[in-house]
Amino acid sequence: MTTPPGQAPTDALPATWERLDERFAKVDGDSLVVRIASGCRWTEGGTYLPAARSFVWSDIPNDRLLRWDELTGETGVFRSPAGYPNGSTLDGEGRLVTCHHGLRGVTRTEHDGSVTVLADHFEGRRFNSPNDVVVDRRGAVWFTDPGYGIGTDYEGFQAESEIGGSHVYRIDPDGTTRQVTDDFDQPNGLALSLDESQLYVVDSERRHLRVFDVTDDGTLTGGDVLATSTAGTFDGVRLDTAGRIWAAAEDGVHCLHPDGTLLGKLLLPEIAANLTFGGLKRNLLFVCASTSVYLIMLNVTGAPGPYAVPRA
C-alpha cells in the first residue's frame, strides 16, 4: 500500500494503548496503526532487511516468505515454496537466518541468494519444527524447537517426534549444535538481553516468559518465570534500547519492564504472533498478527542487531 504525502492511509486503525504503569506513560507513537499486508493464513516471524529497506515475514500454512518494500509500499513473494518458514532474524553479516517447520531445520540465506542449512539434526535425530531464532554477537544461533509443525499438516508435515521433547538449542560458530534446556513444554519466542548476559524464552503452553543467565561458556542457569501472559499466551519477543521486553500476545503487543512488570499494551484486532523493530532508526514496530501485518512508528527504538565481535 502506498499513501500520498499528507493523506491518511486507507487501511489503518487508531492506535489504542493500554497504560498500566507510570513508567510506560511516555511510550507513544503514530496515532494510527497501518495494516501493510493482509490475506495470509497465519503470519509469523518477521525481519527487517536494512540493506533492502524491506520487511520479510512468514505465511506458514501457505509455505511462503513475503516481502514488503518500505519505499514503494508494495508486497510480493520473497520465496515460495520456502520449507514452511517460521521465525527469522539477521546475523552479524546481515544474512537472513530462518527456522523451518517443513525442513525441520535452521537455514541461512547467503548474500548471493543461496541457502545454507545450519542444522537439521541433533545427535542423528531430526528436530521437531524449529520455531524462533536469535543470533548473538559471537555468531552463535539460538533457536527453539517445539512440536507445532509436526502435530498436523497445517504448518508442516505431521510426524512423530524423533527428539522426544521440545528444547532450546544453540549452534556455535564452529557448527556444533548443543541442547541448552530440557524442561520446556513448548519453547517459542526468545530474545537476548542488551548485554547478552540473559536469555528470555517463552513457553507457550505454560503461557509464561522465563529468564536464564548466560554463562561465559554459553551454559544457561536459572530459568525463573519472569512474567505470565494476561491474554492468551506470549509468542515472539523483542527488546528495545531501554531493555523493555515487547511480547506478542492474544490482544496485541505487551510491553514488560525487565523486572517482569507489565507496563502497557498496544491493542490490535488480531492475535499477535511475532514482532520486530525496523526502519533506519529501528523505531518502526512490525507486528505479524493472524492474517495481517501491522506497522506503527514509535518514539522508542529497538535493540540493535548482532555484531560479529566478542562480548566483553
C-alpha atoms as a PDB file:
ATOM      1  CA  MET A   1       0.000   0.000   0.000  1.00  0.00           C
ATOM      2  CA  THR A   2       1.365   3.412  -0.966  1.00  0.00           C
ATOM      3  CA  THR A   3      -0.072   6.571   0.584  1.00  0.00           C
ATOM      4  CA  PRO A   4       0.439  10.035  -0.995  1.00  0.00           C
ATOM      5  CA  PRO A   5       2.094  12.622   1.270  1.00  0.00           C
ATOM      6  CA  GLY A   6      -0.365  14.413   3.523  1.00  0.00           C
ATOM      7  CA  GLN A   7      -3.050  11.754   3.253  1.00  0.00           C
ATOM      8  CA  ALA A   8      -4.007   9.211   5.910  1.00  0.00           C
ATOM      9  CA  PRO A   9      -3.616   5.574   4.868  1.00  0.00           C
ATOM     10  CA  THR A  10      -6.889   3.935   3.961  1.00  0.00           C
ATOM     11  CA  ASP A  11      -6.171   0.612   5.683  1.00  0.00           C
ATOM     12  CA  ALA A  12      -5.481   1.848   9.201  1.00  0.00           C
ATOM     13  CA  LEU A  13      -6.989   1.955  12.662  1.00  0.00           C
ATOM     14  CA  PRO A  14      -6.490   4.225  15.658  1.00  0.00           C
ATOM     15  CA  ALA A  15      -3.516   3.312  17.830  1.00  0.00           C
ATOM     16  CA  THR A  16      -5.010   2.035  21.080  1.00  0.00           C
ATOM     17  CA  TRP A  17      -2.696   1.992  24.085  1.00  0.00           C
ATOM     18  CA  GLU A  18      -3.440   0.491  27.475  1.00  0.00           C
ATOM     19  CA  ARG A  19      -1.144   2.101  30.044  1.00  0.00           C
ATOM     20  CA  LEU A  20      -0.803   0.152  33.280  1.00  0.00           C
ATOM     21  CA  ASP A  21       2.330   1.661  34.840  1.00  0.00           C
ATOM     22  CA  GLU A  22       3.613   5.225  35.038  1.00  0.00           C
ATOM     23  CA  ARG A  23       6.925   4.060  33.537  1.00  0.00           C
ATOM     24  CA  PHE A  24       5.014   3.488  30.281  1.00  0.00           C
ATOM     25  CA  ALA A  25       3.469   6.970  30.199  1.00  0.00           C
ATOM     26  CA  LYS A  26       5.886   8.456  27.674  1.00  0.00           C
ATOM     27  CA  VAL A  27       5.935   5.483  25.295  1.00  0.00           C
ATOM     28  CA  ASP A  28       3.917   6.533  22.271  1.00  0.00           C
ATOM     29  CA  GLY A  29       3.954   6.797  18.517  1.00  0.00           C
ATOM     30  CA  ASP A  30       1.760   7.399  15.485  1.00  0.00           C
ATOM     31  CA  SER A  31      -1.939   7.976  16.018  1.00  0.00           C
ATOM     32  CA  LEU A  32      -2.677   5.202  13.518  1.00  0.00           C
ATOM     33  CA  VAL A  33      -1.591   1.591  13.159  1.00  0.00           C
ATOM     34  CA  VAL A  34      -1.343   0.723   9.454  1.00  0.00           C
ATOM     35  CA  ARG A  35      -2.164  -2.709   8.077  1.00  0.00           C
ATOM     36  CA  ILE A  36       0.522  -3.065   5.415  1.00  0.00           C
ATOM     37  CA  ALA A  37      -0.483  -6.568   4.310  1.00  0.00           C
ATOM     38  CA  SER A  38      -3.377  -8.975   4.726  1.00  0.00           C
ATOM     39  CA  GLY A  39      -4.811 -12.117   3.176  1.00  0.00           C
ATOM     40  CA  CYS A  40      -2.376 -14.521   4.833  1.00  0.00           C
ATOM     41  CA  ARG A  41      -3.378 -17.690   6.667  1.00  0.00           C
ATOM     42  CA  TRP A  42      -1.050 -17.276   9.670  1.00  0.00           C
ATOM     43  CA  THR A  43       1.688 -14.669   9.721  1.00  0.00           C
ATOM     44  CA  GLU A  44       4.816 -15.299  11.753  1.00  0.00           C
ATOM     45  CA  GLY A  45       8.460 -14.434  12.076  1.00  0.00           C
ATOM     46  CA  GLY A  46       9.327 -11.105  10.546  1.00  0.00           C
ATOM     47  CA  THR A  47      12.711  -9.489   9.929  1.00  0.00           C
ATOM     48  CA  TYR A  48      13.615  -6.051   8.669  1.00  0.00           C
ATOM     49  CA  LEU A  49      16.342  -6.014   5.991  1.00  0.00           C
ATOM     50  CA  PRO A  50      18.149  -2.647   6.291  1.00  0.00           C
ATOM     51  CA  ALA A  51      20.131  -3.010   3.063  1.00  0.00           C
ATOM     52  CA  ALA A  52      16.946  -3.636   1.068  1.00  0.00           C
ATOM     53  CA  ARG A  53      14.698  -1.256   3.069  1.00  0.00           C
ATOM     54  CA  SER A  54      12.164  -4.051   3.313  1.00  0.00           C
ATOM     55  CA  PHE A  55      10.387  -6.368   5.743  1.00  0.00           C
ATOM     56  CA  VAL A  56      10.222 -10.149   5.219  1.00  0.00           C
ATOM     57  CA  TRP A  57       7.779 -12.418   7.063  1.00  0.00           C
ATOM     58  CA  SER A  58       6.364 -15.947   7.003  1.00  0.00           C
ATOM     59  CA  ASP A  59       2.912 -17.091   5.925  1.00  0.00           C
ATOM     60  CA  ILE A  60       3.404 -20.580   7.316  1.00  0.00           C
ATOM     61  CA  PRO A  61       0.378 -22.576   6.043  1.00  0.00           C
ATOM     62  CA  ASN A  62       0.886 -21.163   2.543  1.00  0.00           C
ATOM     63  CA  ASP A  63       4.580 -22.170   2.677  1.00  0.00           C
ATOM     64  CA  ARG A  64       5.961 -18.823   1.632  1.00  0.00           C
ATOM     65  CA  LEU A  65       8.039 -15.849   2.679  1.00  0.00           C
ATOM     66  CA  LEU A  66       6.582 -12.467   1.728  1.00  0.00           C
ATOM     67  CA  ARG A  67       8.373  -9.131   1.361  1.00  0.00           C
ATOM     68  CA  TRP A  68       7.079  -5.579   1.875  1.00  0.00           C
ATOM     69  CA  ASP A  69       9.071  -2.764   0.261  1.00  0.00           C
ATOM     70  CA  GLU A  70       9.331   0.256   2.559  1.00  0.00           C
ATOM     71  CA  LEU A  71       9.978   2.699  -0.287  1.00  0.00           C
ATOM     72  CA  THR A  72       7.131   1.653  -2.592  1.00  0.00           C
ATOM     73  CA  GLY A  73       4.696   0.085  -0.121  1.00  0.00           C
ATOM     74  CA  GLU A  74       4.340  -2.921  -2.416  1.00  0.00           C
ATOM     75  CA  THR A  75       4.191  -6.539  -1.248  1.00  0.00           C
ATOM     76  CA  GLY A  76       5.432  -9.567  -3.164  1.00  0.00           C
ATOM     77  CA  VAL A  77       6.661 -13.107  -2.721  1.00  0.00           C
ATOM     78  CA  PHE A  78      10.211 -13.410  -1.409  1.00  0.00           C
ATOM     79  CA  ARG A  79      10.394 -17.219  -1.624  1.00  0.00           C
ATOM     80  CA  SER A  80       7.871 -19.988  -2.311  1.00  0.00           C
ATOM     81  CA  PRO A  81       7.978 -22.844  -1.537  1.00  0.00           C
ATOM     82  CA  ALA A  82      10.048 -21.993   1.494  1.00  0.00           C
ATOM     83  CA  GLY A  83      10.095 -25.066   3.739  1.00  0.00           C
ATOM     84  CA  TYR A  84       7.208 -23.811   5.885  1.00  0.00           C
ATOM     85  CA  PRO A  85       9.201 -20.968   7.455  1.00  0.00           C
ATOM     86  CA  ASN A  86       8.528 -19.526  10.892  1.00  0.00           C
ATOM     87  CA  GLY A  87      10.756 -17.168  12.905  1.00  0.00           C
ATOM     88  CA  SER A  88      13.747 -15.394  11.428  1.00  0.00           C
ATOM     89  CA  THR A  89      16.457 -12.878  12.274  1.00  0.00           C
ATOM     90  CA  LEU A  90      19.651 -11.369  10.876  1.00  0.00           C
ATOM     91  CA  ASP A  91      23.143 -12.467  11.774  1.00  0.00           C
ATOM     92  CA  GLY A  92      26.133 -10.167  12.236  1.00  0.00           C
ATOM     93  CA  GLU A  93      26.746 -10.058   8.477  1.00  0.00           C
ATOM     94  CA  GLY A  94      23.174  -9.116   7.622  1.00  0.00           C
ATOM     95  CA  ARG A  95      22.211 -12.588   6.386  1.00  0.00           C
ATOM     96  CA  LEU A  96      18.699 -13.908   6.970  1.00  0.00           C
ATOM     97  CA  VAL A  97      18.556 -16.836   9.414  1.00  0.00           C
ATOM     98  CA  THR A  98      15.241 -18.730   9.306  1.00  0.00           C
ATOM     99  CA  CYS A  99      13.536 -21.527  11.237  1.00  0.00           C
ATOM    100  CA  HIS A 100      11.525 -24.005   9.164  1.00  0.00           C
ATOM    101  CA  HIS A 101       8.733 -26.390  10.134  1.00  0.00           C
ATOM    102  CA  GLY A 102       8.801 -28.266   6.842  1.00  0.00           C
ATOM    103  CA  LEU A 103      12.568 -28.611   6.566  1.00  0.00           C
ATOM    104  CA  ARG A 104      12.711 -29.213  10.326  1.00  0.00           C
ATOM    105  CA  GLY A 105      15.860 -27.148  10.438  1.00  0.00           C
ATOM    106  CA  VAL A 106      17.501 -23.729  10.520  1.00  0.00           C
ATOM    107  CA  THR A 107      18.870 -22.101   7.369  1.00  0.00           C
ATOM    108  CA  ARG A 108      20.857 -19.033   6.383  1.00  0.00           C
ATOM    109  CA  THR A 109      20.251 -17.105   3.175  1.00  0.00           C
ATOM    110  CA  GLU A 110      23.611 -16.048   1.777  1.00  0.00           C
ATOM    111  CA  HIS A 111      24.286 -12.702   0.104  1.00  0.00           C
ATOM    112  CA  ASP A 112      24.059 -14.353  -3.325  1.00  0.00           C
ATOM    113  CA  GLY A 113      20.615 -15.779  -2.528  1.00  0.00           C
ATOM    114  CA  SER A 114      21.720 -19.352  -1.973  1.00  0.00           C
ATOM    115  CA  VAL A 115      20.504 -21.151   1.143  1.00  0.00           C
ATOM    116  CA  THR A 116      22.746 -22.951   3.638  1.00  0.00           C
ATOM    117  CA  VAL A 117      21.343 -25.445   6.145  1.00  0.00           C
ATOM    118  CA  LEU A 118      22.887 -24.646   9.525  1.00  0.00           C
ATOM    119  CA  ALA A 119      21.313 -27.576  11.389  1.00  0.00           C
ATOM    120  CA  ASP A 120      18.501 -30.054  10.843  1.00  0.00           C
ATOM    121  CA  HIS A 121      19.533 -32.918  13.160  1.00  0.00           C
ATOM    122  CA  PHE A 122      20.727 -33.336  16.722  1.00  0.00           C
ATOM    123  CA  GLU A 123      22.664 -36.479  17.598  1.00  0.00           C
ATOM    124  CA  GLY A 124      21.344 -38.167  14.470  1.00  0.00           C
ATOM    125  CA  ARG A 125      17.678 -37.304  15.076  1.00  0.00           C
ATOM    126  CA  ARG A 126      15.617 -34.736  13.192  1.00  0.00           C
ATOM    127  CA  PHE A 127      14.411 -31.674  15.060  1.00  0.00           C
ATOM    128  CA  ASN A 128      10.681 -31.285  15.666  1.00  0.00           C
ATOM    129  CA  SER A 129       9.955 -27.949  13.956  1.00  0.00           C
ATOM    130  CA  PRO A 130      12.339 -25.053  14.739  1.00  0.00           C
ATOM    131  CA  ASN A 131      10.229 -22.040  15.650  1.00  0.00           C
ATOM    132  CA  ASP A 132      12.112 -18.856  16.541  1.00  0.00           C
ATOM    133  CA  VAL A 133      15.727 -17.757  16.452  1.00  0.00           C
ATOM    134  CA  VAL A 134      18.199 -15.140  17.629  1.00  0.00           C
ATOM    135  CA  VAL A 135      21.892 -14.665  16.838  1.00  0.00           C
ATOM    136  CA  ASP A 136      24.359 -13.346  19.406  1.00  0.00           C
ATOM    137  CA  ARG A 137      27.426 -11.171  18.853  1.00  0.00           C
ATOM    138  CA  ARG A 138      29.725 -14.161  18.840  1.00  0.00           C
ATOM    139  CA  GLY A 139      27.800 -15.606  15.897  1.00  0.00           C
ATOM    140  CA  ALA A 140      26.046 -18.358  17.859  1.00  0.00           C
ATOM    141  CA  VAL A 141      22.499 -19.153  16.714  1.00  0.00           C
ATOM    142  CA  TRP A 142      19.949 -19.839  19.479  1.00  0.00           C
ATOM    143  CA  PHE A 143      16.611 -21.405  18.495  1.00  0.00           C
ATOM    144  CA  THR A 144      13.543 -23.078  19.961  1.00  0.00           C
ATOM    145  CA  ASP A 145      12.132 -26.397  18.778  1.00  0.00           C
ATOM    146  CA  PRO A 146       8.505 -27.040  19.831  1.00  0.00           C
ATOM    147  CA  GLY A 147       6.282 -29.600  18.164  1.00  0.00           C
ATOM    148  CA  TYR A 148       3.783 -27.326  16.413  1.00  0.00           C
ATOM    149  CA  GLY A 149       4.993 -28.059  12.889  1.00  0.00           C
ATOM    150  CA  ILE A 150       4.724 -31.840  13.214  1.00  0.00           C
ATOM    151  CA  GLY A 151       1.452 -32.001  15.156  1.00  0.00           C
ATOM    152  CA  THR A 152      -0.642 -31.712  11.976  1.00  0.00           C
ATOM    153  CA  ASP A 153      -0.164 -30.995   8.283  1.00  0.00           C
ATOM    154  CA  TYR A 154      -1.335 -27.382   8.687  1.00  0.00           C
ATOM    155  CA  GLU A 155       2.058 -25.768   9.344  1.00  0.00           C
ATOM    156  CA  GLY A 156       4.337 -28.511   8.071  1.00  0.00           C
ATOM    157  CA  PHE A 157       4.184 -32.288   7.845  1.00  0.00           C
ATOM    158  CA  GLN A 158       2.609 -34.435  10.533  1.00  0.00           C
ATOM    159  CA  ALA A 159       5.168 -36.765  12.077  1.00  0.00           C
ATOM    160  CA  GLU A 160       6.277 -38.361  15.315  1.00  0.00           C
ATOM    161  CA  SER A 161       8.952 -36.554  17.293  1.00  0.00           C
ATOM    162  CA  GLU A 162      12.390 -38.098  16.879  1.00  0.00           C
ATOM    163  CA  ILE A 163      13.892 -35.904  19.591  1.00  0.00           C
ATOM    164  CA  GLY A 164      11.322 -36.938  22.199  1.00  0.00           C
ATOM    165  CA  GLY A 165      10.963 -33.471  23.726  1.00  0.00           C
ATOM    166  CA  SER A 166      10.825 -29.747  22.981  1.00  0.00           C
ATOM    167  CA  HIS A 167      14.031 -27.905  23.774  1.00  0.00           C
ATOM    168  CA  VAL A 168      16.181 -24.847  23.130  1.00  0.00           C
ATOM    169  CA  TYR A 169      19.382 -25.293  21.121  1.00  0.00           C
ATOM    170  CA  ARG A 170      22.471 -23.294  20.201  1.00  0.00           C
ATOM    171  CA  ILE A 171      24.525 -23.640  17.023  1.00  0.00           C
ATOM    172  CA  ASP A 172      28.051 -22.472  17.824  1.00  0.00           C
ATOM    173  CA  PRO A 173      30.178 -20.629  15.236  1.00  0.00           C
ATOM    174  CA  ASP A 174      32.108 -23.856  14.579  1.00  0.00           C
ATOM    175  CA  GLY A 175      28.848 -25.573  13.569  1.00  0.00           C
ATOM    176  CA  THR A 176      28.424 -27.653  16.726  1.00  0.00           C
ATOM    177  CA  THR A 177      24.805 -27.875  17.917  1.00  0.00           C
ATOM    178  CA  ARG A 178      24.146 -28.068  21.660  1.00  0.00           C
ATOM    179  CA  GLN A 179      20.938 -28.626  23.602  1.00  0.00           C
ATOM    180  CA  VAL A 180      20.753 -25.928  26.308  1.00  0.00           C
ATOM    181  CA  THR A 181      17.393 -26.652  28.043  1.00  0.00           C
ATOM    182  CA  ASP A 182      15.392 -29.759  28.908  1.00  0.00           C
ATOM    183  CA  ASP A 183      12.358 -28.580  30.914  1.00  0.00           C
ATOM    184  CA  PHE A 184      10.012 -26.803  28.498  1.00  0.00           C
ATOM    185  CA  ASP A 185       6.585 -27.889  27.322  1.00  0.00           C
ATOM    186  CA  GLN A 186       6.695 -25.834  24.110  1.00  0.00           C
ATOM    187  CA  PRO A 187       9.529 -23.262  23.859  1.00  0.00           C
ATOM    188  CA  ASN A 188       8.616 -20.471  21.482  1.00  0.00           C
ATOM    189  CA  GLY A 189       9.831 -16.863  21.168  1.00  0.00           C
ATOM    190  CA  LEU A 190      13.224 -15.904  22.529  1.00  0.00           C
ATOM    191  CA  ALA A 191      15.458 -12.841  22.849  1.00  0.00           C
ATOM    192  CA  LEU A 192      18.782 -11.871  24.390  1.00  0.00           C
ATOM    193  CA  SER A 193      19.186  -9.040  26.887  1.00  0.00           C
ATOM    194  CA  LEU A 194      21.068  -5.964  25.707  1.00  0.00           C
ATOM    195  CA  ASP A 195      24.391  -7.172  27.136  1.00  0.00           C
ATOM    196  CA  GLU A 196      23.614 -10.791  26.162  1.00  0.00           C
ATOM    197  CA  SER A 197      24.038 -11.939  29.751  1.00  0.00           C
ATOM    198  CA  GLN A 198      20.443 -13.200  29.853  1.00  0.00           C
ATOM    199  CA  LEU A 199      18.193 -15.167  27.529  1.00  0.00           C
ATOM    200  CA  TYR A 200      14.418 -14.724  27.598  1.00  0.00           C
ATOM    201  CA  VAL A 201      12.378 -17.722  26.395  1.00  0.00           C
ATOM    202  CA  VAL A 202       8.609 -18.115  26.100  1.00  0.00           C
ATOM    203  CA  ASP A 203       6.907 -21.391  26.990  1.00  0.00           C
ATOM    204  CA  SER A 204       3.679 -21.006  25.031  1.00  0.00           C
ATOM    205  CA  GLU A 205       1.925 -23.990  26.628  1.00  0.00           C
ATOM    206  CA  ARG A 206       2.575 -22.658  30.116  1.00  0.00           C
ATOM    207  CA  ARG A 207       1.789 -19.107  28.924  1.00  0.00           C
ATOM    208  CA  HIS A 208       4.835 -17.572  30.566  1.00  0.00           C
ATOM    209  CA  LEU A 209       8.215 -15.985  29.889  1.00  0.00           C
ATOM    210  CA  ARG A 210      11.322 -17.328  31.584  1.00  0.00           C
ATOM    211  CA  VAL A 211      14.731 -15.700  32.036  1.00  0.00           C
ATOM    212  CA  PHE A 212      18.067 -17.529  32.069  1.00  0.00           C
ATOM    213  CA  ASP A 213      21.566 -16.307  32.863  1.00  0.00           C
ATOM    214  CA  VAL A 214      24.077 -16.972  30.084  1.00  0.00           C
ATOM    215  CA  THR A 215      27.492 -18.010  31.393  1.00  0.00           C
ATOM    216  CA  ASP A 216      30.754 -17.295  29.595  1.00  0.00           C
ATOM    217  CA  ASP A 217      30.757 -20.760  28.010  1.00  0.00           C
ATOM    218  CA  GLY A 218      27.144 -20.407  26.837  1.00  0.00           C
ATOM    219  CA  THR A 219      25.585 -22.592  29.509  1.00  0.00           C
ATOM    220  CA  LEU A 220      22.201 -21.465  30.792  1.00  0.00           C
ATOM    221  CA  THR A 221      21.459 -21.207  34.512  1.00  0.00           C
ATOM    222  CA  GLY A 222      18.378 -20.071  36.405  1.00  0.00           C
ATOM    223  CA  GLY A 223      15.238 -20.149  34.302  1.00  0.00           C
ATOM    224  CA  ASP A 224      12.809 -18.477  36.675  1.00  0.00           C
ATOM    225  CA  VAL A 225       9.411 -17.344  35.413  1.00  0.00           C
ATOM    226  CA  LEU A 226       9.628 -13.608  34.748  1.00  0.00           C
ATOM    227  CA  ALA A 227       6.037 -12.950  33.658  1.00  0.00           C
ATOM    228  CA  THR A 228       2.807 -14.754  32.789  1.00  0.00           C
ATOM    229  CA  SER A 229       0.595 -13.571  29.949  1.00  0.00           C
ATOM    230  CA  THR A 230      -2.686 -11.895  30.857  1.00  0.00           C
ATOM    231  CA  ALA A 231      -4.170 -12.555  27.397  1.00  0.00           C
ATOM    232  CA  GLY A 232      -3.721 -15.965  25.848  1.00  0.00           C
ATOM    233  CA  THR A 233      -0.050 -16.817  25.649  1.00  0.00           C
ATOM    234  CA  PHE A 234       3.128 -14.971  24.785  1.00  0.00           C
ATOM    235  CA  ASP A 235       4.710 -15.766  21.422  1.00  0.00           C
ATOM    236  CA  GLY A 236       7.515 -13.758  19.807  1.00  0.00           C
ATOM    237  CA  VAL A 237       9.548 -11.321  21.919  1.00  0.00           C
ATOM    238  CA  ARG A 238      11.947  -8.457  21.169  1.00  0.00           C
ATOM    239  CA  LEU A 239      13.724  -5.774  23.233  1.00  0.00           C
ATOM    240  CA  ASP A 240      14.068  -2.020  22.885  1.00  0.00           C
ATOM    241  CA  THR A 241      17.142   0.027  23.770  1.00  0.00           C
ATOM    242  CA  ALA A 242      15.823   0.605  27.309  1.00  0.00           C
ATOM    243  CA  GLY A 243      15.785  -3.158  27.884  1.00  0.00           C
ATOM    244  CA  ARG A 244      11.990  -3.351  27.881  1.00  0.00           C
ATOM    245  CA  ILE A 245      10.563  -6.609  26.549  1.00  0.00           C
ATOM    246  CA  TRP A 246       7.911  -6.391  23.826  1.00  0.00           C
ATOM    247  CA  ALA A 247       5.894  -9.599  23.568  1.00  0.00           C
ATOM    248  CA  ALA A 248       3.244 -10.736  21.098  1.00  0.00           C
ATOM    249  CA  ALA A 249       0.028 -11.874  22.800  1.00  0.00           C
ATOM    250  CA  GLU A 250      -3.618 -12.613  22.083  1.00  0.00           C
ATOM    251  CA  ASP A 251      -4.801  -8.992  22.338  1.00  0.00           C
ATOM    252  CA  GLY A 252      -1.807  -7.322  20.691  1.00  0.00           C
ATOM    253  CA  VAL A 253       1.651  -6.413  21.960  1.00  0.00           C
ATOM    254  CA  HIS A 254       2.563  -6.346  25.658  1.00  0.00           C
ATOM    255  CA  CYS A 255       5.465  -4.277  26.965  1.00  0.00           C
ATOM    256  CA  LEU A 256       7.247  -5.585  30.069  1.00  0.00           C
ATOM    257  CA  HIS A 257       9.815  -3.937  32.319  1.00  0.00           C
ATOM    258  CA  PRO A 258      12.998  -6.016  32.722  1.00  0.00           C
ATOM    259  CA  ASP A 259      11.718  -6.888  36.206  1.00  0.00           C
ATOM    260  CA  GLY A 260       8.682  -8.582  34.610  1.00  0.00           C
ATOM    261  CA  THR A 261       6.095  -5.883  35.382  1.00  0.00           C
ATOM    262  CA  LEU A 262       3.501  -5.421  32.649  1.00  0.00           C
ATOM    263  CA  LEU A 263       3.855  -1.752  31.730  1.00  0.00           C
ATOM    264  CA  GLY A 264       1.260  -1.497  28.995  1.00  0.00           C
ATOM    265  CA  LYS A 265      -0.148  -2.814  25.757  1.00  0.00           C
ATOM    266  CA  LEU A 266      -0.660  -1.855  22.146  1.00  0.00           C
ATOM    267  CA  LEU A 267      -4.045  -3.411  21.372  1.00  0.00           C
ATOM    268  CA  LEU A 268      -4.697  -4.975  17.960  1.00  0.00           C
ATOM    269  CA  PRO A 269      -7.768  -6.574  16.349  1.00  0.00           C
ATOM    270  CA  GLU A 270      -5.981  -9.876  15.633  1.00  0.00           C
ATOM    271  CA  ILE A 271      -3.858 -12.299  17.661  1.00  0.00           C
ATOM    272  CA  ALA A 272      -0.232 -11.192  17.531  1.00  0.00           C
ATOM    273  CA  ALA A 273       2.273 -13.953  16.809  1.00  0.00           C
ATOM    274  CA  ASN A 274       5.560 -12.108  16.393  1.00  0.00           C
ATOM    275  CA  LEU A 275       7.093  -8.673  16.111  1.00  0.00           C
ATOM    276  CA  THR A 276      10.289  -6.863  15.299  1.00  0.00           C
ATOM    277  CA  PHE A 277      11.714  -3.365  15.155  1.00  0.00           C
ATOM    278  CA  GLY A 278      12.906  -1.973  11.834  1.00  0.00           C
ATOM    279  CA  GLY A 279      13.435   1.127   9.740  1.00  0.00           C
ATOM    280  CA  LEU A 280      16.583   3.206   9.507  1.00  0.00           C
ATOM    281  CA  LYS A 281      16.196   4.256  13.160  1.00  0.00           C
ATOM    282  CA  ARG A 282      14.762   0.913  14.340  1.00  0.00           C
ATOM    283  CA  ASN A 283      11.662   2.788  15.505  1.00  0.00           C
ATOM    284  CA  LEU A 284       9.179   1.056  13.212  1.00  0.00           C
ATOM    285  CA  LEU A 285       7.335  -1.729  15.013  1.00  0.00           C
ATOM    286  CA  PHE A 286       6.182  -4.523  12.678  1.00  0.00           C
ATOM    287  CA  VAL A 287       3.656  -6.977  14.116  1.00  0.00           C
ATOM    288  CA  CYS A 288       2.702 -10.269  12.461  1.00  0.00           C
ATOM    289  CA  ALA A 289      -0.864 -10.897  13.642  1.00  0.00           C
ATOM    290  CA  SER A 290      -3.033 -13.747  12.351  1.00  0.00           C
ATOM    291  CA  THR A 291      -3.878 -12.845   8.724  1.00  0.00           C
ATOM    292  CA  SER A 292      -2.153  -9.439   8.612  1.00  0.00           C
ATOM    293  CA  VAL A 293       0.983  -7.403   9.247  1.00  0.00           C
ATOM    294  CA  TYR A 294       0.650  -4.146  11.185  1.00  0.00           C
ATOM    295  CA  LEU A 295       3.092  -1.221  11.331  1.00  0.00           C
ATOM    296  CA  ILE A 296       3.442   1.744  13.656  1.00  0.00           C
ATOM    297  CA  MET A 297       6.270   4.241  14.157  1.00  0.00           C
ATOM    298  CA  LEU A 298       7.165   4.629  17.837  1.00  0.00           C
ATOM    299  CA  ASN A 299       9.109   7.134  19.884  1.00  0.00           C
ATOM    300  CA  VAL A 300      11.258   4.288  21.226  1.00  0.00           C
ATOM    301  CA  THR A 301      13.981   2.371  19.419  1.00  0.00           C
ATOM    302  CA  GLY A 302      14.506  -1.360  19.059  1.00  0.00           C
ATOM    303  CA  ALA A 303      17.662  -3.008  20.335  1.00  0.00           C
ATOM    304  CA  PRO A 304      20.453  -3.235  17.765  1.00  0.00           C
ATOM    305  CA  GLY A 305      21.141  -6.489  15.987  1.00  0.00           C
ATOM    306  CA  PRO A 306      24.178  -8.701  16.500  1.00  0.00           C
ATOM    307  CA  TYR A 307      27.656  -7.662  15.543  1.00  0.00           C
ATOM    308  CA  ALA A 308      30.431 -10.135  14.882  1.00  0.00           C
ATOM    309  CA  VAL A 309      32.629  -9.101  17.828  1.00  0.00           C
ATOM    310  CA  PRO A 310      33.245 -10.915  21.133  1.00  0.00           C
ATOM    311  CA  ARG A 311      31.170  -9.940  24.122  1.00  0.00           C
ATOM    312  CA  ALA A 312      33.191  -8.025  26.716  1.00  0.00           C
END
